[in-house]
Amino acid sequence: MAYKIIASQCSGCSACEAECPNQAIREKGGTFIIDPAKCTECEGSFDSAQCVAVCPVDGCIKKA
């Protein structure tokens, strides 16, 4: 399963993009999206999802 950014809550800060070890996050229309084909939930790289850890908006990034 992959994570998903809730577009209506995304502030467009880009903090998550640089933290993704799989380059699964990109900007689209002023907010960010996660490519579910590339998202591994950071398994094998980190103990927790890095995008969730750095996102300043609570609840913006959730499991799809």
C-alpha atoms as a PDB file:
ATOM      1  CA  MET A   1       0.000   0.000   0.000  1.00  0.00           C
ATOM      2  CA  ALA A   2       1.153   3.547  -0.687  1.00  0.00           C
ATOM      3  CA  TYR A   3       0.647   6.921   0.935  1.00  0.00           C
ATOM      4  CA  LYS A   4      -1.519   9.662  -0.563  1.00  0.00           C
ATOM      5  CA  ILE A   5      -1.369  13.431  -0.148  1.00  0.00           C
ATOM      6  CA  ILE A   6      -4.772  15.039   0.410  1.00  0.00           C
ATOM      7  CA  ALA A   7      -4.607  17.839  -2.166  1.00  0.00           C
ATOM      8  CA  SER A   8      -7.102  20.082  -0.380  1.00  0.00           C
ATOM      9  CA  GLN A   9      -4.887  20.047   2.718  1.00  0.00           C
ATOM     10  CA  CYS A  10      -1.473  20.309   1.029  1.00  0.00           C
ATOM     11  CA  SER A  11       0.175  23.692   1.601  1.00  0.00           C
ATOM     12  CA  GLY A  12       2.645  23.159  -1.251  1.00  0.00           C
ATOM     13  CA  CYS A  13       5.641  23.608   1.039  1.00  0.00           C
ATOM     14  CA  SER A  14       7.653  20.834  -0.727  1.00  0.00           C
ATOM     15  CA  ALA A  15       9.141  19.459   2.513  1.00  0.00           C
ATOM     16  CA  CYS A  16       8.046  15.924   1.621  1.00  0.00           C
ATOM     17  CA  GLU A  17       9.539  15.856  -1.882  1.00  0.00           C
ATOM     18  CA  ALA A  18      13.174  15.972  -0.795  1.00  0.00           C
ATOM     19  CA  GLU A  19      12.672  13.381   1.950  1.00  0.00           C
ATOM     20  CA  CYS A  20      11.319  10.610  -0.285  1.00  0.00           C
ATOM     21  CA  PRO A  21      14.009   7.955  -0.853  1.00  0.00           C
ATOM     22  CA  ASN A  22      12.158   6.648  -3.920  1.00  0.00           C
ATOM     23  CA  GLN A  23      11.508   9.962  -5.688  1.00  0.00           C
ATOM     24  CA  ALA A  24       7.788   9.102  -5.580  1.00  0.00           C
ATOM     25  CA  ILE A  25       6.658  12.659  -4.753  1.00  0.00           C
ATOM     26  CA  ARG A  26       6.302  15.447  -7.298  1.00  0.00           C
ATOM     27  CA  GLU A  27       4.574  18.789  -7.659  1.00  0.00           C
ATOM     28  CA  LYS A  28       1.388  19.006  -9.684  1.00  0.00           C
ATOM     29  CA  GLY A  29      -0.781  22.101  -9.884  1.00  0.00           C
ATOM     30  CA  GLY A  30       0.631  23.797  -6.795  1.00  0.00           C
ATOM     31  CA  THR A  31       0.328  20.768  -4.517  1.00  0.00           C
ATOM     32  CA  PHE A  32       2.218  17.519  -4.315  1.00  0.00           C
ATOM     33  CA  ILE A  33       1.254  13.987  -5.295  1.00  0.00           C
ATOM     34  CA  ILE A  34       2.704  10.561  -4.515  1.00  0.00           C
ATOM     35  CA  ASP A  35       3.150   8.013  -7.291  1.00  0.00           C
ATOM     36  CA  PRO A  36       1.721   4.815  -5.759  1.00  0.00           C
ATOM     37  CA  ALA A  37       3.862   2.670  -8.067  1.00  0.00           C
ATOM     38  CA  LYS A  38       7.028   4.155  -6.524  1.00  0.00           C
ATOM     39  CA  CYS A  39       5.924   4.551  -2.876  1.00  0.00           C
ATOM     40  CA  THR A  40       7.220   1.802  -0.584  1.00  0.00           C
ATOM     41  CA  GLU A  41       6.158   3.564   2.644  1.00  0.00           C
ATOM     42  CA  CYS A  42       9.939   3.894   3.219  1.00  0.00           C
ATOM     43  CA  GLU A  43      10.191   0.184   4.081  1.00  0.00           C
ATOM     44  CA  GLY A  44      13.780  -0.925   3.854  1.00  0.00           C
ATOM     45  CA  SER A  45      15.040   2.645   4.117  1.00  0.00           C
ATOM     46  CA  PHE A  46      13.497   4.084   7.306  1.00  0.00           C
ATOM     47  CA  ASP A  47      11.415   2.946  10.281  1.00  0.00           C
ATOM     48  CA  SER A  48       8.566   5.294   9.361  1.00  0.00           C
ATOM     49  CA  ALA A  49       7.314   7.216   6.334  1.00  0.00           C
ATOM     50  CA  GLN A  50       9.533  10.262   5.938  1.00  0.00           C
ATOM     51  CA  CYS A  51       6.934  12.326   4.090  1.00  0.00           C
ATOM     52  CA  VAL A  52       4.531  12.012   7.019  1.00  0.00           C
ATOM     53  CA  ALA A  53       7.296  12.832   9.500  1.00  0.00           C
ATOM     54  CA  VAL A  54       8.219  16.144   7.828  1.00  0.00           C
ATOM     55  CA  CYS A  55       4.779  17.332   6.690  1.00  0.00           C
ATOM     56  CA  PRO A  56       3.750  20.437   8.662  1.00  0.00           C
ATOM     57  CA  VAL A  57       0.027  19.765   8.072  1.00  0.00           C
ATOM     58  CA  ASP A  58      -1.421  17.094  10.368  1.00  0.00           C
ATOM     59  CA  GLY A  59      -3.399  14.473   8.476  1.00  0.00           C
ATOM     60  CA  CYS A  60      -2.367  15.702   5.040  1.00  0.00           C
ATOM     61  CA  ILE A  61      -0.608  12.448   4.116  1.00  0.00           C
ATOM     62  CA  LYS A  62      -2.465   9.186   4.708  1.00  0.00           C
ATOM     63  CA  LYS A  63      -2.294   5.576   3.604  1.00  0.00           C
ATOM     64  CA  ALA A  64      -4.203   5.154   0.359  1.00  0.00           C
END
